[in-house]
Amino acid sequence: MEKNLSRRNVMVGAVASAAAFTLSSANVQAAEPVVHDVRIKRFKFSPRQLEVSVGDTIRWTNEDLAPHTATANEFGWDTKEIIKGASAEIEVSEGMETEYFCVFHPNMKATIVIKSD
């Protein structure tokens, strides 16, 4: 009788472990990519520093009359000209440049911080 009880306890424990593993692995899914908005207004990028993850998208929207760009300092990526009311996007990739400026107005500068997940 004691052997049957022990086998039963082992089986119950195994089933409980399998259920716990299934639940925990369901919570370890990768986060969905996020779209981060950067406003260009009064000749400034807002926010000036943006925290993102690889796979996210950054969208710049120009609210000024003048055209602007968001261009990596070493020209590794560029939104090209963004006119008033228009937007441009880039997808965040591993190792991409994180300091950027406006080609038309070099005093406009901002930073991207890529989180290591």
N, C-alpha and C. Protein backbone atom coordinates (compact mmCIF):
# COMPACT_ATOMS: atom_id res chain seq x y z
N MET A 1 0.82 -1.20 0.00
CA MET A 1 0.00 0.00 0.00
C MET A 1 0.86 1.25 0.00
N GLU A 2 1.96 1.21 0.78
CA GLU A 2 2.84 2.37 0.85
C GLU A 2 3.48 2.66 -0.50
N LYS A 3 3.83 1.59 -1.28
CA LYS A 3 4.42 1.79 -2.59
C LYS A 3 3.44 2.50 -3.52
N ASN A 4 2.18 2.13 -3.52
CA ASN A 4 1.19 2.77 -4.37
C ASN A 4 1.03 4.25 -4.03
N LEU A 5 1.06 4.53 -2.73
CA LEU A 5 0.95 5.92 -2.31
C LEU A 5 2.15 6.72 -2.79
N SER A 6 3.33 6.17 -2.76
CA SER A 6 4.54 6.84 -3.23
C SER A 6 4.49 7.06 -4.73
N ARG A 7 4.04 6.04 -5.46
CA ARG A 7 3.92 6.20 -6.92
C ARG A 7 2.91 7.30 -7.25
N ARG A 8 1.84 7.29 -6.49
CA ARG A 8 0.81 8.32 -6.70
C ARG A 8 1.39 9.71 -6.45
N ASN A 9 2.13 9.87 -5.37
CA ASN A 9 2.75 11.16 -5.07
C ASN A 9 3.71 11.59 -6.17
N VAL A 10 4.45 10.63 -6.71
CA VAL A 10 5.37 10.93 -7.80
C VAL A 10 4.59 11.38 -9.03
N MET A 11 3.52 10.71 -9.35
CA MET A 11 2.71 11.08 -10.52
C MET A 11 2.08 12.46 -10.35
N VAL A 12 1.54 12.72 -9.17
CA VAL A 12 0.95 14.03 -8.89
C VAL A 12 2.01 15.12 -9.02
N GLY A 13 3.19 14.86 -8.49
CA GLY A 13 4.28 15.82 -8.59
C GLY A 13 4.71 16.07 -10.02
N ALA A 14 4.76 15.01 -10.82
CA ALA A 14 5.15 15.15 -12.23
C ALA A 14 4.13 15.98 -13.00
N VAL A 15 2.85 15.71 -12.76
CA VAL A 15 1.80 16.47 -13.44
C VAL A 15 1.86 17.94 -13.02
N ALA A 16 2.05 18.19 -11.74
CA ALA A 16 2.14 19.57 -11.25
C ALA A 16 3.35 20.28 -11.85
N SER A 17 4.48 19.59 -11.96
CA SER A 17 5.68 20.18 -12.55
C SER A 17 5.47 20.52 -14.01
N ALA A 18 4.84 19.60 -14.74
CA ALA A 18 4.58 19.85 -16.16
C ALA A 18 3.66 21.06 -16.34
N ALA A 19 2.65 21.17 -15.51
CA ALA A 19 1.73 22.31 -15.59
C ALA A 19 2.45 23.61 -15.27
N ALA A 20 3.30 23.59 -14.25
CA ALA A 20 4.05 24.80 -13.88
C ALA A 20 5.00 25.20 -14.99
N PHE A 21 5.66 24.24 -15.62
CA PHE A 21 6.58 24.55 -16.72
C PHE A 21 5.83 25.17 -17.90
N THR A 22 4.67 24.60 -18.22
CA THR A 22 3.87 25.13 -19.32
C THR A 22 3.46 26.57 -19.04
N LEU A 23 3.03 26.87 -17.84
CA LEU A 23 2.61 28.23 -17.49
C LEU A 23 3.79 29.19 -17.50
N SER A 24 4.94 28.77 -17.00
CA SER A 24 6.09 29.69 -16.95
C SER A 24 6.64 29.95 -18.34
N SER A 25 6.67 28.97 -19.23
CA SER A 25 7.19 29.21 -20.57
C SER A 25 6.23 30.07 -21.38
N ALA A 26 4.96 30.08 -21.05
CA ALA A 26 4.01 30.95 -21.75
C ALA A 26 4.28 32.41 -21.40
N ASN A 27 4.82 32.68 -20.21
CA ASN A 27 5.11 34.05 -19.79
C ASN A 27 6.45 34.56 -20.31
N VAL A 28 7.25 33.72 -20.97
CA VAL A 28 8.59 34.11 -21.41
C VAL A 28 8.58 34.49 -22.88
N GLN A 29 7.45 34.79 -23.43
CA GLN A 29 7.37 35.19 -24.83
C GLN A 29 8.03 36.54 -25.02
N ALA A 30 8.57 36.75 -26.21
CA ALA A 30 9.20 38.02 -26.53
C ALA A 30 8.16 39.13 -26.55
N ALA A 31 8.58 40.30 -26.11
CA ALA A 31 7.68 41.46 -26.11
C ALA A 31 7.36 41.87 -27.55
N GLU A 32 6.16 42.34 -27.75
CA GLU A 32 5.76 42.84 -29.06
C GLU A 32 6.52 44.12 -29.37
N PRO A 33 6.91 44.34 -30.63
CA PRO A 33 7.56 45.60 -30.99
C PRO A 33 6.65 46.79 -30.69
N VAL A 34 7.27 47.91 -30.33
CA VAL A 34 6.54 49.12 -29.95
C VAL A 34 6.89 50.23 -30.94
N VAL A 35 5.92 51.10 -31.23
CA VAL A 35 6.18 52.29 -32.03
C VAL A 35 6.37 53.46 -31.07
N HIS A 36 7.54 54.12 -31.17
CA HIS A 36 7.87 55.25 -30.31
C HIS A 36 7.75 56.52 -31.15
N ASP A 37 6.99 57.49 -30.65
CA ASP A 37 6.80 58.75 -31.39
C ASP A 37 7.75 59.83 -30.88
N VAL A 38 8.39 60.50 -31.83
CA VAL A 38 9.24 61.65 -31.53
C VAL A 38 8.64 62.84 -32.26
N ARG A 39 8.34 63.88 -31.51
CA ARG A 39 7.81 65.12 -32.11
C ARG A 39 8.96 66.04 -32.46
N ILE A 40 8.85 66.68 -33.61
CA ILE A 40 9.79 67.73 -33.99
C ILE A 40 9.00 69.03 -33.92
N LYS A 41 9.33 69.84 -32.94
CA LYS A 41 8.59 71.07 -32.72
C LYS A 41 9.53 72.11 -32.13
N ARG A 42 9.42 73.34 -32.62
CA ARG A 42 10.27 74.45 -32.17
C ARG A 42 11.75 74.10 -32.30
N PHE A 43 12.07 73.41 -33.40
CA PHE A 43 13.44 73.05 -33.73
C PHE A 43 14.09 72.19 -32.65
N LYS A 44 13.29 71.25 -32.09
CA LYS A 44 13.78 70.30 -31.09
C LYS A 44 13.13 68.95 -31.32
N PHE A 45 13.89 67.89 -31.00
CA PHE A 45 13.34 66.54 -30.97
C PHE A 45 12.79 66.30 -29.56
N SER A 46 11.58 65.80 -29.47
CA SER A 46 10.99 65.54 -28.16
C SER A 46 10.37 64.14 -28.16
N PRO A 47 10.91 63.23 -27.34
CA PRO A 47 11.93 63.46 -26.32
C PRO A 47 13.33 63.51 -26.93
N ARG A 48 14.23 64.13 -26.18
CA ARG A 48 15.64 64.23 -26.61
C ARG A 48 16.37 62.92 -26.44
N GLN A 49 15.93 62.11 -25.51
CA GLN A 49 16.50 60.78 -25.32
C GLN A 49 15.35 59.79 -25.31
N LEU A 50 15.48 58.75 -26.10
CA LEU A 50 14.42 57.77 -26.28
C LEU A 50 14.96 56.38 -25.99
N GLU A 51 14.29 55.63 -25.13
CA GLU A 51 14.70 54.26 -24.79
C GLU A 51 13.86 53.28 -25.59
N VAL A 52 14.53 52.41 -26.35
CA VAL A 52 13.85 51.49 -27.27
C VAL A 52 14.47 50.10 -27.16
N SER A 53 13.84 49.14 -27.83
CA SER A 53 14.37 47.79 -27.94
C SER A 53 14.55 47.46 -29.41
N VAL A 54 15.45 46.51 -29.69
CA VAL A 54 15.65 46.05 -31.06
C VAL A 54 14.31 45.52 -31.58
N GLY A 55 13.95 45.92 -32.79
CA GLY A 55 12.67 45.52 -33.39
C GLY A 55 11.59 46.58 -33.26
N ASP A 56 11.78 47.52 -32.34
CA ASP A 56 10.82 48.63 -32.21
C ASP A 56 10.93 49.55 -33.41
N THR A 57 9.95 50.41 -33.58
CA THR A 57 9.96 51.42 -34.63
C THR A 57 9.98 52.80 -33.99
N ILE A 58 10.77 53.70 -34.57
CA ILE A 58 10.76 55.10 -34.14
C ILE A 58 10.11 55.90 -35.26
N ARG A 59 9.11 56.72 -34.88
CA ARG A 59 8.41 57.55 -35.86
C ARG A 59 8.60 59.01 -35.49
N TRP A 60 9.19 59.79 -36.40
CA TRP A 60 9.36 61.23 -36.21
C TRP A 60 8.25 61.95 -36.97
N THR A 61 7.60 62.91 -36.30
CA THR A 61 6.56 63.72 -36.93
C THR A 61 6.96 65.17 -36.83
N ASN A 62 6.97 65.85 -37.97
CA ASN A 62 7.39 67.25 -38.02
C ASN A 62 6.19 68.18 -37.79
N GLU A 63 6.25 68.94 -36.70
CA GLU A 63 5.20 69.92 -36.40
C GLU A 63 5.67 71.35 -36.66
N ASP A 64 6.86 71.51 -37.23
CA ASP A 64 7.39 72.83 -37.57
C ASP A 64 7.05 73.18 -39.02
N LEU A 65 7.17 74.47 -39.35
CA LEU A 65 7.00 74.89 -40.74
C LEU A 65 8.19 74.45 -41.59
N ALA A 66 9.37 74.49 -41.00
CA ALA A 66 10.60 74.14 -41.73
C ALA A 66 10.74 72.63 -41.87
N PRO A 67 11.36 72.16 -42.95
CA PRO A 67 11.63 70.73 -43.08
C PRO A 67 12.77 70.30 -42.14
N HIS A 68 12.77 69.03 -41.76
CA HIS A 68 13.80 68.49 -40.87
C HIS A 68 14.17 67.08 -41.34
N THR A 69 15.23 66.55 -40.74
CA THR A 69 15.59 65.14 -40.90
C THR A 69 15.93 64.59 -39.52
N ALA A 70 15.98 63.30 -39.42
CA ALA A 70 16.61 62.62 -38.29
C ALA A 70 17.69 61.76 -38.95
N THR A 71 18.94 62.10 -38.69
CA THR A 71 20.07 61.50 -39.39
C THR A 71 21.13 61.07 -38.39
N ALA A 72 21.57 59.82 -38.47
CA ALA A 72 22.62 59.34 -37.58
C ALA A 72 23.89 60.16 -37.77
N ASN A 73 24.59 60.41 -36.68
CA ASN A 73 25.80 61.24 -36.72
C ASN A 73 26.81 60.76 -37.77
N GLU A 74 26.94 59.46 -37.94
CA GLU A 74 27.87 58.92 -38.94
C GLU A 74 27.15 58.51 -40.22
N PHE A 75 25.91 58.96 -40.37
CA PHE A 75 25.09 58.76 -41.57
C PHE A 75 24.76 57.29 -41.84
N GLY A 76 24.72 56.47 -40.78
CA GLY A 76 24.36 55.06 -40.92
C GLY A 76 22.88 54.86 -41.23
N TRP A 77 22.05 55.81 -40.87
CA TRP A 77 20.62 55.78 -41.20
C TRP A 77 20.13 57.22 -41.32
N ASP A 78 19.03 57.41 -42.04
CA ASP A 78 18.52 58.76 -42.30
C ASP A 78 17.05 58.67 -42.69
N THR A 79 16.25 59.57 -42.14
CA THR A 79 14.82 59.59 -42.50
C THR A 79 14.56 60.33 -43.81
N LYS A 80 15.56 61.02 -44.31
CA LYS A 80 15.40 61.96 -45.44
C LYS A 80 14.55 63.13 -44.96
N GLU A 81 14.21 64.03 -45.84
CA GLU A 81 13.47 65.24 -45.49
C GLU A 81 12.06 64.92 -45.01
N ILE A 82 11.70 65.52 -43.87
CA ILE A 82 10.34 65.38 -43.33
C ILE A 82 9.71 66.77 -43.35
N ILE A 83 8.70 66.95 -44.20
CA ILE A 83 8.06 68.26 -44.29
C ILE A 83 7.00 68.41 -43.20
N LYS A 84 6.49 69.63 -43.05
CA LYS A 84 5.47 69.93 -42.03
C LYS A 84 4.30 68.97 -42.16
N GLY A 85 3.93 68.37 -41.03
CA GLY A 85 2.79 67.46 -40.99
C GLY A 85 3.10 66.03 -41.40
N ALA A 86 4.29 65.78 -41.91
CA ALA A 86 4.66 64.43 -42.37
C ALA A 86 5.43 63.68 -41.29
N SER A 87 5.51 62.37 -41.47
CA SER A 87 6.24 61.51 -40.55
C SER A 87 7.19 60.61 -41.33
N ALA A 88 8.20 60.12 -40.64
CA ALA A 88 9.14 59.14 -41.20
C ALA A 88 9.48 58.15 -40.10
N GLU A 89 9.76 56.91 -40.49
CA GLU A 89 10.02 55.85 -39.51
C GLU A 89 11.29 55.09 -39.83
N ILE A 90 11.91 54.54 -38.78
CA ILE A 90 12.97 53.56 -38.94
C ILE A 90 12.73 52.44 -37.93
N GLU A 91 13.21 51.25 -38.25
CA GLU A 91 13.13 50.13 -37.31
C GLU A 91 14.46 50.04 -36.58
N VAL A 92 14.40 49.86 -35.28
CA VAL A 92 15.60 49.77 -34.45
C VAL A 92 16.27 48.42 -34.70
N SER A 93 17.57 48.48 -35.02
CA SER A 93 18.32 47.26 -35.24
C SER A 93 19.52 47.21 -34.30
N GLU A 94 19.99 46.02 -34.06
CA GLU A 94 21.13 45.83 -33.16
C GLU A 94 22.36 46.53 -33.75
N GLY A 95 23.04 47.30 -32.95
CA GLY A 95 24.27 47.96 -33.37
C GLY A 95 24.08 49.24 -34.16
N MET A 96 22.84 49.69 -34.32
CA MET A 96 22.63 50.92 -35.09
C MET A 96 23.16 52.13 -34.32
N GLU A 97 23.49 53.17 -35.05
CA GLU A 97 23.96 54.41 -34.42
C GLU A 97 22.86 55.00 -33.55
N THR A 98 23.26 55.58 -32.42
CA THR A 98 22.28 56.06 -31.46
C THR A 98 22.27 57.57 -31.28
N GLU A 99 23.22 58.26 -31.83
CA GLU A 99 23.24 59.72 -31.76
C GLU A 99 22.77 60.24 -33.11
N TYR A 100 21.85 61.21 -33.09
CA TYR A 100 21.37 61.74 -34.37
C TYR A 100 21.12 63.24 -34.30
N PHE A 101 20.92 63.84 -35.49
CA PHE A 101 20.74 65.28 -35.62
C PHE A 101 19.88 65.57 -36.85
N CYS A 102 19.57 66.85 -37.06
CA CYS A 102 18.87 67.29 -38.28
C CYS A 102 19.91 67.86 -39.24
N VAL A 103 19.95 67.36 -40.46
CA VAL A 103 20.92 67.82 -41.45
C VAL A 103 20.72 69.31 -41.73
N PHE A 104 19.48 69.78 -41.75
CA PHE A 104 19.21 71.18 -42.06
C PHE A 104 19.52 72.10 -40.87
N HIS A 105 19.44 71.57 -39.67
CA HIS A 105 19.63 72.36 -38.45
C HIS A 105 20.51 71.55 -37.49
N PRO A 106 21.84 71.54 -37.71
CA PRO A 106 22.75 70.66 -36.96
C PRO A 106 22.74 70.86 -35.44
N ASN A 107 22.19 71.96 -34.97
CA ASN A 107 22.09 72.15 -33.52
C ASN A 107 20.98 71.30 -32.91
N MET A 108 20.10 70.74 -33.71
CA MET A 108 19.06 69.82 -33.24
C MET A 108 19.67 68.45 -33.09
N LYS A 109 19.76 67.96 -31.85
CA LYS A 109 20.41 66.68 -31.58
C LYS A 109 19.56 65.87 -30.61
N ALA A 110 19.70 64.55 -30.70
CA ALA A 110 19.00 63.66 -29.75
C ALA A 110 19.72 62.30 -29.72
N THR A 111 19.26 61.48 -28.78
CA THR A 111 19.92 60.19 -28.53
C THR A 111 18.89 59.08 -28.41
N ILE A 112 19.27 57.92 -28.92
CA ILE A 112 18.47 56.70 -28.77
C ILE A 112 19.25 55.79 -27.83
N VAL A 113 18.58 55.24 -26.84
CA VAL A 113 19.18 54.25 -25.94
C VAL A 113 18.53 52.91 -26.25
N ILE A 114 19.35 51.95 -26.69
CA ILE A 114 18.82 50.63 -27.02
C ILE A 114 18.99 49.73 -25.79
N LYS A 115 17.84 49.29 -25.24
CA LYS A 115 17.84 48.44 -24.05
C LYS A 115 18.36 47.06 -24.42
N SER A 116 19.11 46.48 -23.52
CA SER A 116 19.54 45.09 -23.72
C SER A 116 18.59 44.22 -22.91
N ASP A 117 17.73 43.49 -23.64
CA ASP A 117 16.68 42.70 -22.98
C ASP A 117 17.21 41.46 -22.37
